[in-house]
Amino acid sequence: MCWAIPGKVVKIKGLNAIVDIGGIHQEVISTLDVKPGDYVMVHAGIIIEKIKEEEAKKLVDSLIELYIESATEIGLTRDKAEKEIRKKMNSIFEK
């Protein structure tokens, strides 16, 4: 099974783009017509799809829930895990 991660394009560098993925700016390959502010899905270092902000929010919420469940299994409280991950993942929605 493969995973793609939602992110937000921060900057274009030729055929590459800098994408904010949970607060980490990652340089990825882009063969799509994207511009700063676009929401995208990134898989294996390549933008594979442009998505709408609403879809990105739903996907981030799903990833957050997965993280919280995993974190509570290893002993973190739900509140601490949620606060930690929301701060990181919601950075892509800041203007």
Protein backbone atom coordinates (compact mmCIF):
# COMPACT_ATOMS: atom_id res chain seq x y z
CA MET A 1 0.00 0.00 0.00
CA CYS A 2 1.21 3.50 -0.84
CA TRP A 3 0.54 6.74 0.99
CA ALA A 4 0.31 10.26 -0.36
CA ILE A 5 0.51 13.18 2.04
CA PRO A 6 -1.33 16.50 1.68
CA GLY A 7 0.72 19.68 1.63
CA LYS A 8 0.73 23.28 0.47
CA VAL A 9 3.02 24.67 -2.22
CA VAL A 10 5.23 27.40 -0.77
CA LYS A 11 7.57 28.14 -3.67
CA ILE A 12 8.33 27.01 -7.22
CA LYS A 13 11.94 26.21 -8.24
CA GLY A 14 11.94 25.26 -11.92
CA LEU A 15 10.39 21.77 -12.17
CA ASN A 16 10.49 21.43 -8.40
CA ALA A 17 8.31 22.88 -5.69
CA ILE A 18 8.83 23.54 -2.01
CA VAL A 19 5.84 22.06 -0.19
CA ASP A 20 4.86 22.57 3.46
CA ILE A 21 4.06 19.13 4.85
CA GLY A 22 3.20 19.40 8.51
CA GLY A 23 5.54 22.31 9.09
CA ILE A 24 8.44 20.75 7.20
CA HIS A 25 9.36 22.36 3.89
CA GLN A 26 10.24 19.61 1.46
CA GLU A 27 11.55 20.06 -2.08
CA VAL A 28 9.61 17.75 -4.41
CA ILE A 29 9.27 17.15 -8.13
CA SER A 30 6.30 18.77 -9.81
CA THR A 31 5.15 17.91 -13.31
CA LEU A 32 1.77 19.56 -12.67
CA ASP A 33 0.89 23.22 -13.13
CA VAL A 34 1.04 24.35 -9.50
CA LYS A 35 1.67 27.69 -7.85
CA PRO A 36 2.31 28.89 -4.30
CA GLY A 37 -0.82 28.45 -2.21
CA ASP A 38 -2.03 25.34 -4.06
CA TYR A 39 -2.82 22.24 -2.03
CA VAL A 40 -1.31 19.04 -3.37
CA MET A 41 -0.80 15.36 -2.67
CA VAL A 42 2.84 14.24 -2.46
CA HIS A 43 3.97 10.65 -2.89
CA ALA A 44 7.60 9.49 -3.00
CA GLY A 45 8.86 13.03 -3.51
CA ILE A 46 6.52 13.83 -6.42
CA ILE A 47 3.37 15.94 -6.55
CA ILE A 48 0.79 13.54 -7.91
CA GLU A 49 -2.37 15.64 -7.64
CA LYS A 50 -3.76 19.10 -6.94
CA ILE A 51 -6.58 19.13 -4.37
CA LYS A 52 -8.96 21.67 -2.88
CA GLU A 53 -8.36 23.12 0.58
CA GLU A 54 -11.45 21.35 1.95
CA GLU A 55 -10.12 17.97 0.82
CA ALA A 56 -6.70 18.75 2.30
CA LYS A 57 -8.36 19.57 5.64
CA LYS A 58 -10.27 16.28 5.64
CA LEU A 59 -7.12 14.32 4.83
CA VAL A 60 -5.11 16.11 7.51
CA ASP A 61 -7.86 15.41 10.05
CA SER A 62 -7.69 11.70 9.15
CA LEU A 63 -3.89 11.67 9.55
CA ILE A 64 -4.22 13.47 12.87
CA GLU A 65 -6.63 10.81 14.14
CA LEU A 66 -4.25 8.03 13.08
CA TYR A 67 -1.38 9.75 14.90
CA ILE A 68 -3.44 10.26 18.07
CA GLU A 69 -4.48 6.61 18.14
CA SER A 70 -0.89 5.46 17.69
CA ALA A 71 0.44 7.92 20.28
CA THR A 72 -2.08 6.86 22.92
CA GLU A 73 -1.10 3.22 22.37
CA ILE A 74 2.45 4.07 23.44
CA GLY A 75 1.39 6.05 26.50
CA LEU A 76 0.77 9.68 25.48
CA THR A 77 -2.44 11.24 26.67
CA ARG A 78 -4.97 11.97 23.94
CA ASP A 79 -4.88 15.72 24.74
CA LYS A 80 -1.08 15.93 24.57
CA ALA A 81 -0.91 13.92 21.34
CA GLU A 82 -3.66 15.98 19.70
CA LYS A 83 -2.11 19.31 20.68
CA GLU A 84 1.31 18.20 19.41
CA ILE A 85 0.14 16.95 16.02
CA ARG A 86 -2.45 19.65 15.28
CA LYS A 87 0.18 22.36 15.76
CA LYS A 88 2.42 20.68 13.18
CA MET A 89 -0.12 19.52 10.62
CA ASN A 90 -2.35 22.60 10.61
CA SER A 91 0.59 24.81 9.63
CA ILE A 92 -0.32 24.27 5.98
CA PHE A 93 -3.60 26.14 6.50
CA GLU A 94 -2.01 29.27 7.98
CA LYS A 95 -2.05 32.25 5.65
